[in-house]
Amino acid sequence: MAHVIHSINTTASGLCHHLDSIIDDAHHQYAIDLARSADALVLGRNTFDLFMEFWPNAATRSDLPEMTAALANALNTVPKLVISSRPIELTWNNTNHVRGPDLEPLKNELTKLAGTVVIFGSPRLATSLLNEGLINEIHILTQPFIGTEGPQAYRGLKKRAELDLIGTTQFPTGSVLLRYNVT
């Protein structure tokens, strides 16, 4: 069974809107390292659609900062599983569609994988997997402001999830990365 890590950016109010993140080199390096450590990425449909708008072509652009290009290369290289009940145009390198919203097909995929699987964003999917006891580690990158838009992280959780702090990192922007094992 894969070791599943969920990584999410939230504001101090627990909201996760894709535009509510301060991205600096430290944030990029964290995401690069996490993506490179993954044997696969799992993305919910909305996060996949947001990623598709930028990341597949970012690696070949010459106008982007070096760290952005490095993250694009990491994301393009790792195999990606997208869970969605809607059809997906699979034009991004190393991307496969896993039928949802039923989690059984994804559970079967996670059972086959022996390494690390990373879920970026995808708050509804992560909540569903946490409800099923399928997330081993949670990384919350808290932004230094109170947000007013976007879904709330882990909304719909059926019972309290016990966490064990394994590390914290403060980024120069004031963002704080909290890393937990799910117990």
N, C-alpha and C. Protein backbone atom coordinates (compact mmCIF):
# COMPACT_ATOMS: atom_id res chain seq x y z
N MET A 1 0.85 -1.19 0.00
CA MET A 1 0.00 0.00 0.00
C MET A 1 0.89 1.24 0.00
N ALA A 2 0.50 2.22 -0.76
CA ALA A 2 1.26 3.46 -0.86
C ALA A 2 1.21 4.25 0.44
N HIS A 3 2.25 5.03 0.67
CA HIS A 3 2.28 6.02 1.74
C HIS A 3 1.74 7.31 1.13
N VAL A 4 0.59 7.76 1.59
CA VAL A 4 -0.11 8.88 0.95
C VAL A 4 0.09 10.16 1.76
N ILE A 5 0.59 11.20 1.08
CA ILE A 5 0.81 12.51 1.68
C ILE A 5 -0.13 13.50 1.02
N HIS A 6 -0.88 14.22 1.82
CA HIS A 6 -1.72 15.31 1.30
C HIS A 6 -1.05 16.63 1.63
N SER A 7 -0.84 17.44 0.60
CA SER A 7 -0.23 18.76 0.76
C SER A 7 -1.23 19.81 0.28
N ILE A 8 -1.52 20.78 1.17
CA ILE A 8 -2.50 21.79 0.82
C ILE A 8 -2.07 23.16 1.33
N ASN A 9 -2.32 24.18 0.53
CA ASN A 9 -2.12 25.57 0.94
C ASN A 9 -3.43 26.08 1.50
N THR A 10 -3.37 26.66 2.69
CA THR A 10 -4.57 27.27 3.27
C THR A 10 -4.21 28.65 3.82
N THR A 11 -5.23 29.44 3.98
CA THR A 11 -5.05 30.70 4.69
C THR A 11 -5.20 30.39 6.18
N ALA A 12 -4.96 31.35 7.03
CA ALA A 12 -5.10 31.15 8.46
C ALA A 12 -6.53 30.79 8.86
N SER A 13 -7.49 31.09 7.98
CA SER A 13 -8.89 30.75 8.24
C SER A 13 -9.25 29.36 7.74
N GLY A 14 -8.28 28.62 7.19
CA GLY A 14 -8.53 27.25 6.74
C GLY A 14 -9.12 27.15 5.35
N LEU A 15 -9.20 28.28 4.65
CA LEU A 15 -9.72 28.25 3.28
C LEU A 15 -8.59 28.01 2.29
N CYS A 16 -8.91 27.35 1.20
CA CYS A 16 -7.87 27.02 0.21
C CYS A 16 -8.34 27.44 -1.18
N HIS A 17 -8.02 28.66 -1.53
CA HIS A 17 -8.29 29.18 -2.87
C HIS A 17 -6.96 29.21 -3.61
N HIS A 18 -6.97 28.80 -4.87
CA HIS A 18 -5.71 28.66 -5.59
C HIS A 18 -4.95 29.97 -5.78
N LEU A 19 -5.60 31.10 -5.64
CA LEU A 19 -4.90 32.38 -5.75
C LEU A 19 -4.43 32.93 -4.40
N ASP A 20 -4.77 32.25 -3.32
CA ASP A 20 -4.40 32.70 -1.98
C ASP A 20 -3.13 32.01 -1.48
N SER A 21 -2.05 32.16 -2.23
CA SER A 21 -0.76 31.61 -1.82
C SER A 21 0.33 32.60 -2.19
N ILE A 22 1.25 32.78 -1.27
CA ILE A 22 2.43 33.57 -1.55
C ILE A 22 3.52 32.58 -1.94
N ILE A 23 3.90 32.62 -3.20
CA ILE A 23 4.86 31.65 -3.71
C ILE A 23 6.24 32.29 -3.80
N ASP A 24 7.19 31.75 -3.07
CA ASP A 24 8.57 32.22 -3.12
C ASP A 24 9.47 31.01 -3.43
N ASP A 25 10.78 31.22 -3.45
CA ASP A 25 11.69 30.12 -3.76
C ASP A 25 11.59 28.98 -2.75
N ALA A 26 11.38 29.31 -1.47
CA ALA A 26 11.26 28.27 -0.46
C ALA A 26 10.01 27.41 -0.69
N HIS A 27 8.91 28.06 -1.06
CA HIS A 27 7.67 27.34 -1.37
C HIS A 27 7.89 26.45 -2.59
N HIS A 28 8.51 27.01 -3.62
CA HIS A 28 8.80 26.21 -4.81
C HIS A 28 9.69 25.01 -4.47
N GLN A 29 10.74 25.24 -3.67
CA GLN A 29 11.65 24.14 -3.35
C GLN A 29 10.92 23.04 -2.59
N TYR A 30 10.04 23.43 -1.66
CA TYR A 30 9.24 22.43 -0.95
C TYR A 30 8.43 21.60 -1.94
N ALA A 31 7.73 22.27 -2.87
CA ALA A 31 6.88 21.56 -3.83
C ALA A 31 7.72 20.69 -4.78
N ILE A 32 8.88 21.20 -5.19
CA ILE A 32 9.78 20.42 -6.06
C ILE A 32 10.23 19.15 -5.33
N ASP A 33 10.70 19.31 -4.11
CA ASP A 33 11.19 18.16 -3.34
C ASP A 33 10.07 17.14 -3.12
N LEU A 34 8.87 17.63 -2.81
CA LEU A 34 7.76 16.71 -2.57
C LEU A 34 7.38 15.99 -3.86
N ALA A 35 7.29 16.71 -4.97
CA ALA A 35 6.95 16.08 -6.25
C ALA A 35 8.00 15.06 -6.66
N ARG A 36 9.27 15.39 -6.46
CA ARG A 36 10.36 14.46 -6.83
C ARG A 36 10.37 13.22 -5.94
N SER A 37 9.87 13.35 -4.71
CA SER A 37 9.84 12.20 -3.81
C SER A 37 8.68 11.24 -4.13
N ALA A 38 7.76 11.70 -4.96
CA ALA A 38 6.54 10.94 -5.23
C ALA A 38 6.75 9.89 -6.32
N ASP A 39 6.16 8.74 -6.09
CA ASP A 39 6.09 7.73 -7.14
C ASP A 39 4.87 7.96 -8.01
N ALA A 40 3.93 8.74 -7.49
CA ALA A 40 2.74 9.13 -8.25
C ALA A 40 2.09 10.33 -7.57
N LEU A 41 1.39 11.12 -8.37
CA LEU A 41 0.54 12.20 -7.85
C LEU A 41 -0.90 11.79 -8.05
N VAL A 42 -1.75 12.17 -7.11
CA VAL A 42 -3.19 11.99 -7.25
C VAL A 42 -3.80 13.38 -7.20
N LEU A 43 -4.64 13.67 -8.18
CA LEU A 43 -5.29 14.98 -8.26
C LEU A 43 -6.78 14.80 -8.42
N GLY A 44 -7.54 15.62 -7.69
CA GLY A 44 -8.97 15.70 -7.95
C GLY A 44 -9.19 16.48 -9.23
N ARG A 45 -10.39 16.41 -9.76
CA ARG A 45 -10.67 17.01 -11.06
C ARG A 45 -10.43 18.52 -11.09
N ASN A 46 -10.90 19.25 -10.08
CA ASN A 46 -10.72 20.70 -10.10
C ASN A 46 -9.25 21.10 -10.03
N THR A 47 -8.49 20.45 -9.17
CA THR A 47 -7.06 20.74 -9.09
C THR A 47 -6.37 20.37 -10.39
N PHE A 48 -6.74 19.25 -10.97
CA PHE A 48 -6.16 18.84 -12.25
C PHE A 48 -6.43 19.90 -13.32
N ASP A 49 -7.67 20.39 -13.39
CA ASP A 49 -8.00 21.41 -14.39
C ASP A 49 -7.15 22.68 -14.18
N LEU A 50 -6.96 23.09 -12.92
CA LEU A 50 -6.10 24.25 -12.63
C LEU A 50 -4.65 23.98 -13.04
N PHE A 51 -4.15 22.80 -12.71
CA PHE A 51 -2.78 22.45 -13.07
C PHE A 51 -2.60 22.41 -14.59
N MET A 52 -3.60 21.87 -15.29
CA MET A 52 -3.53 21.74 -16.75
C MET A 52 -3.40 23.09 -17.44
N GLU A 53 -3.92 24.14 -16.83
CA GLU A 53 -3.85 25.47 -17.43
C GLU A 53 -2.42 25.99 -17.50
N PHE A 54 -1.53 25.47 -16.65
CA PHE A 54 -0.20 26.06 -16.57
C PHE A 54 0.95 25.06 -16.68
N TRP A 55 0.94 24.01 -15.87
CA TRP A 55 2.13 23.18 -15.67
C TRP A 55 2.60 22.37 -16.87
N PRO A 56 1.74 21.77 -17.68
CA PRO A 56 2.28 20.94 -18.78
C PRO A 56 3.21 21.69 -19.73
N ASN A 57 2.95 22.96 -19.99
CA ASN A 57 3.77 23.72 -20.93
C ASN A 57 4.81 24.60 -20.24
N ALA A 58 4.78 24.69 -18.94
CA ALA A 58 5.68 25.60 -18.23
C ALA A 58 7.14 25.20 -18.36
N ALA A 59 7.43 23.91 -18.46
CA ALA A 59 8.82 23.45 -18.52
C ALA A 59 9.54 23.93 -19.78
N THR A 60 8.81 24.20 -20.83
CA THR A 60 9.44 24.61 -22.09
C THR A 60 9.45 26.12 -22.29
N ARG A 61 8.88 26.85 -21.37
CA ARG A 61 8.85 28.31 -21.50
C ARG A 61 10.16 28.91 -21.01
N SER A 62 10.69 29.87 -21.74
CA SER A 62 11.95 30.50 -21.36
C SER A 62 11.75 31.76 -20.52
N ASP A 63 10.50 32.19 -20.35
CA ASP A 63 10.22 33.42 -19.62
C ASP A 63 9.90 33.20 -18.14
N LEU A 64 10.00 31.98 -17.67
CA LEU A 64 9.64 31.68 -16.28
C LEU A 64 10.89 31.59 -15.41
N PRO A 65 10.75 31.91 -14.12
CA PRO A 65 11.88 31.75 -13.19
C PRO A 65 12.36 30.30 -13.14
N GLU A 66 13.61 30.13 -12.80
CA GLU A 66 14.23 28.80 -12.76
C GLU A 66 13.47 27.83 -11.86
N MET A 67 13.03 28.31 -10.68
CA MET A 67 12.33 27.42 -9.74
C MET A 67 10.98 26.97 -10.29
N THR A 68 10.30 27.84 -11.03
CA THR A 68 9.02 27.48 -11.63
C THR A 68 9.24 26.40 -12.69
N ALA A 69 10.26 26.57 -13.50
CA ALA A 69 10.58 25.57 -14.52
C ALA A 69 10.97 24.24 -13.88
N ALA A 70 11.72 24.29 -12.78
CA ALA A 70 12.11 23.06 -12.09
C ALA A 70 10.88 22.33 -11.53
N LEU A 71 9.93 23.07 -10.99
CA LEU A 71 8.70 22.45 -10.50
C LEU A 71 7.91 21.86 -11.66
N ALA A 72 7.85 22.58 -12.76
CA ALA A 72 7.15 22.06 -13.95
C ALA A 72 7.77 20.74 -14.40
N ASN A 73 9.09 20.68 -14.43
CA ASN A 73 9.77 19.43 -14.81
C ASN A 73 9.44 18.30 -13.85
N ALA A 74 9.42 18.60 -12.56
CA ALA A 74 9.10 17.56 -11.57
C ALA A 74 7.66 17.07 -11.76
N LEU A 75 6.72 17.98 -11.96
CA LEU A 75 5.32 17.60 -12.13
C LEU A 75 5.10 16.85 -13.45
N ASN A 76 5.83 17.23 -14.48
CA ASN A 76 5.66 16.57 -15.78
C ASN A 76 6.22 15.16 -15.78
N THR A 77 7.23 14.91 -14.96
CA THR A 77 7.91 13.62 -14.95
C THR A 77 7.14 12.55 -14.18
N VAL A 78 6.57 12.92 -13.06
CA VAL A 78 5.93 11.94 -12.17
C VAL A 78 4.59 11.47 -12.76
N PRO A 79 4.27 10.18 -12.63
CA PRO A 79 2.95 9.70 -13.07
C PRO A 79 1.84 10.37 -12.27
N LYS A 80 0.74 10.67 -12.95
CA LYS A 80 -0.39 11.36 -12.33
C LYS A 80 -1.66 10.54 -12.50
N LEU A 81 -2.42 10.43 -11.42
CA LEU A 81 -3.74 9.80 -11.44
C LEU A 81 -4.76 10.88 -11.15
N VAL A 82 -5.73 11.03 -12.04
CA VAL A 82 -6.78 12.03 -11.87
C VAL A 82 -8.08 11.30 -11.61
N ILE A 83 -8.69 11.58 -10.46
CA ILE A 83 -9.97 10.94 -10.15
C ILE A 83 -11.09 11.90 -10.51
N SER A 84 -11.99 11.41 -11.36
CA SER A 84 -13.10 12.24 -11.84
C SER A 84 -14.20 11.35 -12.40
N SER A 85 -15.42 11.81 -12.21
CA SER A 85 -16.55 11.09 -12.81
C SER A 85 -16.79 11.55 -14.24
N ARG A 86 -16.18 12.67 -14.62
CA ARG A 86 -16.33 13.21 -15.98
C ARG A 86 -15.16 12.75 -16.86
N PRO A 87 -15.38 12.66 -18.15
CA PRO A 87 -14.28 12.30 -19.06
C PRO A 87 -13.18 13.35 -18.99
N ILE A 88 -11.95 12.90 -19.24
CA ILE A 88 -10.78 13.77 -19.18
C ILE A 88 -9.99 13.60 -20.47
N GLU A 89 -9.55 14.71 -21.01
CA GLU A 89 -8.64 14.66 -22.15
C GLU A 89 -7.23 14.49 -21.59
N LEU A 90 -6.65 13.35 -21.85
CA LEU A 90 -5.36 13.00 -21.25
C LEU A 90 -4.20 13.46 -22.14
N THR A 91 -3.98 14.76 -22.14
CA THR A 91 -2.90 15.32 -22.97
C THR A 91 -1.64 15.60 -22.16
N TRP A 92 -1.71 15.55 -20.84
CA TRP A 92 -0.54 15.81 -20.01
C TRP A 92 0.26 14.53 -19.86
N ASN A 93 1.55 14.63 -20.05
CA ASN A 93 2.47 13.52 -19.95
C ASN A 93 2.25 12.71 -18.67
N ASN A 94 2.24 11.38 -18.80
CA ASN A 94 2.15 10.47 -17.65
C ASN A 94 0.87 10.63 -16.84
N THR A 95 -0.25 10.87 -17.49
CA THR A 95 -1.51 11.08 -16.77
C THR A 95 -2.50 9.96 -17.11
N ASN A 96 -3.13 9.43 -16.07
CA ASN A 96 -4.17 8.41 -16.24
C ASN A 96 -5.43 8.83 -15.50
N HIS A 97 -6.56 8.44 -16.03
CA HIS A 97 -7.86 8.75 -15.45
C HIS A 97 -8.31 7.58 -14.58
N VAL A 98 -8.72 7.88 -13.36
CA VAL A 98 -9.32 6.89 -12.46
C VAL A 98 -10.76 7.32 -12.26
N ARG A 99 -11.68 6.45 -12.58
CA ARG A 99 -13.10 6.78 -12.49
C ARG A 99 -13.52 7.05 -11.05
N GLY A 100 -14.27 8.13 -10.84
CA GLY A 100 -14.83 8.49 -9.55
C GLY A 100 -16.31 8.72 -9.74
N PRO A 101 -17.06 9.15 -8.79
CA PRO A 101 -16.62 9.56 -7.46
C PRO A 101 -16.43 8.40 -6.49
N ASP A 102 -16.83 7.18 -6.87
CA ASP A 102 -16.59 6.02 -6.03
C ASP A 102 -15.09 5.87 -5.83
N LEU A 103 -14.65 5.68 -4.59
CA LEU A 103 -13.22 5.61 -4.29
C LEU A 103 -12.61 4.24 -4.52
N GLU A 104 -13.41 3.21 -4.78
CA GLU A 104 -12.86 1.86 -4.94
C GLU A 104 -11.79 1.77 -6.02
N PRO A 105 -12.00 2.36 -7.22
CA PRO A 105 -10.92 2.28 -8.22
C PRO A 105 -9.62 2.95 -7.74
N LEU A 106 -9.73 4.07 -7.04
CA LEU A 106 -8.53 4.73 -6.52
C LEU A 106 -7.90 3.90 -5.42
N LYS A 107 -8.71 3.31 -4.54
CA LYS A 107 -8.17 2.43 -3.49
C LYS A 107 -7.38 1.29 -4.12
N ASN A 108 -7.90 0.72 -5.21
CA ASN A 108 -7.20 -0.36 -5.90
C ASN A 108 -5.85 0.11 -6.43
N GLU A 109 -5.81 1.32 -6.99
CA GLU A 109 -4.55 1.88 -7.50
C GLU A 109 -3.56 2.10 -6.35
N LEU A 110 -4.05 2.66 -5.24
CA LEU A 110 -3.17 2.91 -4.09
C LEU A 110 -2.62 1.62 -3.51
N THR A 111 -3.41 0.56 -3.55
CA THR A 111 -2.98 -0.74 -3.06
C THR A 111 -1.85 -1.30 -3.93
N LYS A 112 -1.90 -1.04 -5.23
CA LYS A 112 -0.87 -1.53 -6.16
C LYS A 112 0.45 -0.79 -6.00
N LEU A 113 0.39 0.48 -5.58
CA LEU A 113 1.60 1.30 -5.47
C LEU A 113 2.30 1.02 -4.15
N ALA A 114 3.62 0.90 -4.21
CA ALA A 114 4.38 0.58 -3.00
C ALA A 114 5.11 1.78 -2.42
N GLY A 115 5.23 2.87 -3.17
CA GLY A 115 6.02 4.00 -2.71
C GLY A 115 5.18 5.13 -2.15
N THR A 116 5.61 6.35 -2.44
CA THR A 116 4.96 7.55 -1.93
C THR A 116 4.02 8.13 -2.98
N VAL A 117 2.82 8.45 -2.55
CA VAL A 117 1.83 9.11 -3.40
C VAL A 117 1.53 10.46 -2.77
N VAL A 118 1.57 11.50 -3.59
CA VAL A 118 1.31 12.86 -3.11
C VAL A 118 0.03 13.39 -3.74
N ILE A 119 -0.81 13.97 -2.90
CA ILE A 119 -2.01 14.66 -3.35
C ILE A 119 -1.76 16.14 -3.13
N PHE A 120 -1.72 16.92 -4.21
CA PHE A 120 -1.62 18.36 -4.08
C PHE A 120 -3.02 18.94 -4.13
N GLY A 121 -3.34 19.83 -3.16
CA GLY A 121 -4.65 20.49 -3.17
C GLY A 121 -5.77 19.48 -3.04
N SER A 122 -6.73 19.54 -3.96
CA SER A 122 -7.82 18.56 -4.04
C SER A 122 -8.51 18.35 -2.69
N PRO A 123 -9.04 19.41 -2.08
CA PRO A 123 -9.56 19.29 -0.72
C PRO A 123 -10.71 18.30 -0.55
N ARG A 124 -11.62 18.21 -1.51
CA ARG A 124 -12.73 17.25 -1.37
C ARG A 124 -12.23 15.81 -1.46
N LEU A 125 -11.35 15.56 -2.43
CA LEU A 125 -10.79 14.22 -2.58
C LEU A 125 -10.01 13.83 -1.32
N ALA A 126 -9.19 14.74 -0.82
CA ALA A 126 -8.40 14.45 0.37
C ALA A 126 -9.29 14.15 1.58
N THR A 127 -10.37 14.89 1.70
CA THR A 127 -11.31 14.63 2.81
C THR A 127 -11.90 13.24 2.68
N SER A 128 -12.30 12.86 1.48
CA SER A 128 -12.86 11.52 1.26
C SER A 128 -11.84 10.44 1.60
N LEU A 129 -10.59 10.64 1.19
CA LEU A 129 -9.56 9.65 1.49
C LEU A 129 -9.22 9.62 2.98
N LEU A 130 -9.24 10.78 3.63
CA LEU A 130 -9.01 10.83 5.07
C LEU A 130 -10.14 10.11 5.81
N ASN A 131 -11.37 10.29 5.36
CA ASN A 131 -12.51 9.58 5.95
C ASN A 131 -12.34 8.07 5.85
N GLU A 132 -11.65 7.60 4.80
CA GLU A 132 -11.44 6.17 4.58
C GLU A 132 -10.16 5.66 5.24
N GLY A 133 -9.42 6.55 5.92
CA GLY A 133 -8.18 6.15 6.56
C GLY A 133 -7.04 5.90 5.59
N LEU A 134 -7.07 6.57 4.43
CA LEU A 134 -6.09 6.31 3.39
C LEU A 134 -5.00 7.38 3.27
N ILE A 135 -4.99 8.35 4.17
CA ILE A 135 -3.93 9.36 4.15
C ILE A 135 -3.04 9.14 5.37
N ASN A 136 -1.74 9.06 5.11
CA ASN A 136 -0.78 8.80 6.17
C ASN A 136 -0.15 10.05 6.74
N GLU A 137 -0.06 11.09 5.90
CA GLU A 137 0.67 12.30 6.29
C GLU A 137 -0.04 13.51 5.70
N ILE A 138 -0.07 14.60 6.46
CA ILE A 138 -0.70 15.84 6.00
C ILE A 138 0.30 16.97 6.12
N HIS A 139 0.45 17.73 5.05
CA HIS A 139 1.28 18.94 5.03
C HIS A 139 0.36 20.12 4.78
N ILE A 140 0.28 21.01 5.75
CA ILE A 140 -0.54 22.21 5.61
C ILE A 140 0.39 23.41 5.54
N LEU A 141 0.36 24.09 4.41
CA LEU A 141 1.17 25.28 4.22
C LEU A 141 0.26 26.48 4.45
N THR A 142 0.33 27.02 5.67
CA THR A 142 -0.56 28.10 6.09
C THR A 142 0.01 29.44 5.63
N GLN A 143 -0.82 30.17 4.91
CA GLN A 143 -0.43 31.48 4.38
C GLN A 143 -0.67 32.56 5.45
N PRO A 144 0.11 33.63 5.43
CA PRO A 144 0.03 34.62 6.51
C PRO A 144 -1.08 35.66 6.31
N PHE A 145 -2.28 35.18 6.09
CA PHE A 145 -3.44 36.06 6.03
C PHE A 145 -4.71 35.24 6.21
N ILE A 146 -5.80 35.95 6.43
CA ILE A 146 -7.10 35.30 6.60
C ILE A 146 -7.84 35.42 5.29
N GLY A 147 -8.16 34.29 4.70
CA GLY A 147 -8.82 34.27 3.40
C GLY A 147 -10.33 34.36 3.52
N THR A 148 -10.94 34.72 2.41
CA THR A 148 -12.40 34.85 2.37
C THR A 148 -13.02 34.02 1.25
N GLU A 149 -12.19 33.35 0.42
CA GLU A 149 -12.71 32.60 -0.72
C GLU A 149 -12.17 31.18 -0.71
N GLY A 150 -12.89 30.32 -1.41
CA GLY A 150 -12.43 28.95 -1.61
C GLY A 150 -13.03 27.98 -0.64
N PRO A 151 -12.84 26.69 -0.92
CA PRO A 151 -13.36 25.66 -0.02
C PRO A 151 -12.56 25.61 1.28
N GLN A 152 -13.19 25.12 2.30
CA GLN A 152 -12.51 24.91 3.58
C GLN A 152 -11.82 23.56 3.54
N ALA A 153 -10.57 23.53 3.95
CA ALA A 153 -9.84 22.27 4.00
C ALA A 153 -10.54 21.31 4.95
N TYR A 154 -10.70 20.08 4.50
CA TYR A 154 -11.24 18.97 5.29
C TYR A 154 -12.70 19.15 5.70
N ARG A 155 -13.41 19.99 5.00
CA ARG A 155 -14.85 20.13 5.24
C ARG A 155 -15.53 18.80 4.87
N GLY A 156 -16.39 18.32 5.73
CA GLY A 156 -17.07 17.05 5.49
C GLY A 156 -16.38 15.87 6.14
N LEU A 157 -15.35 16.14 6.94
CA LEU A 157 -14.69 15.06 7.66
C LEU A 157 -15.70 14.45 8.63
N LYS A 158 -15.80 13.13 8.65
CA LYS A 158 -16.83 12.45 9.45
C LYS A 158 -16.47 12.33 10.92
N LYS A 159 -15.17 12.28 11.22
CA LYS A 159 -14.76 12.23 12.62
C LYS A 159 -13.41 12.92 12.74
N ARG A 160 -13.10 13.33 13.94
CA ARG A 160 -11.84 14.03 14.19
C ARG A 160 -10.66 13.16 13.78
N ALA A 161 -9.70 13.75 13.09
CA ALA A 161 -8.48 13.05 12.70
C ALA A 161 -7.38 13.43 13.68
N GLU A 162 -6.80 12.45 14.31
CA GLU A 162 -5.70 12.69 15.25
C GLU A 162 -4.40 12.83 14.47
N LEU A 163 -3.62 13.85 14.81
CA LEU A 163 -2.39 14.14 14.11
C LEU A 163 -1.21 14.20 15.08
N ASP A 164 -0.05 13.81 14.59
CA ASP A 164 1.19 13.86 15.36
C ASP A 164 2.16 14.75 14.60
N LEU A 165 2.55 15.87 15.19
CA LEU A 165 3.43 16.83 14.54
C LEU A 165 4.80 16.21 14.28
N ILE A 166 5.25 16.27 13.01
CA ILE A 166 6.57 15.74 12.68
C ILE A 166 7.54 16.84 12.25
N GLY A 167 7.02 18.08 12.04
CA GLY A 167 7.93 19.15 11.71
C GLY A 167 7.23 20.42 11.30
N THR A 168 7.94 21.52 11.48
CA THR A 168 7.45 22.82 11.04
C THR A 168 8.58 23.54 10.31
N THR A 169 8.20 24.36 9.35
CA THR A 169 9.16 25.18 8.63
C THR A 169 8.52 26.53 8.37
N GLN A 170 9.21 27.59 8.75
CA GLN A 170 8.71 28.93 8.43
C GLN A 170 9.44 29.41 7.18
N PHE A 171 8.67 29.88 6.20
CA PHE A 171 9.23 30.41 4.97
C PHE A 171 9.46 31.90 5.12
N PRO A 172 10.36 32.48 4.33
CA PRO A 172 10.65 33.92 4.42
C PRO A 172 9.42 34.81 4.25
N THR A 173 8.40 34.34 3.55
CA THR A 173 7.19 35.13 3.33
C THR A 173 6.30 35.21 4.56
N GLY A 174 6.58 34.38 5.57
CA GLY A 174 5.72 34.29 6.74
C GLY A 174 4.80 33.08 6.68
N SER A 175 4.78 32.37 5.57
CA SER A 175 4.02 31.12 5.49
C SER A 175 4.68 30.10 6.40
N VAL A 176 3.87 29.19 6.94
CA VAL A 176 4.39 28.17 7.83
C VAL A 176 3.90 26.80 7.35
N LEU A 177 4.86 25.90 7.16
CA LEU A 177 4.55 24.53 6.77
C LEU A 177 4.45 23.68 8.02
N LEU A 178 3.30 23.06 8.21
CA LEU A 178 3.07 22.14 9.32
C LEU A 178 2.98 20.74 8.74
N ARG A 179 3.80 19.82 9.21
CA ARG A 179 3.79 18.46 8.71
C ARG A 179 3.37 17.52 9.84
N TYR A 180 2.37 16.67 9.54
CA TYR A 180 1.80 15.77 10.54
C TYR A 180 1.72 14.35 10.00
N ASN A 181 1.90 13.38 10.90
CA ASN A 181 1.48 12.01 10.63
C ASN A 181 0.04 11.90 11.07
N VAL A 182 -0.75 11.16 10.32
CA VAL A 182 -2.12 10.86 10.74
C VAL A 182 -2.04 9.61 11.61
N THR A 183 -2.54 9.71 12.84
CA THR A 183 -2.42 8.57 13.76
C THR A 183 -3.70 7.78 13.83
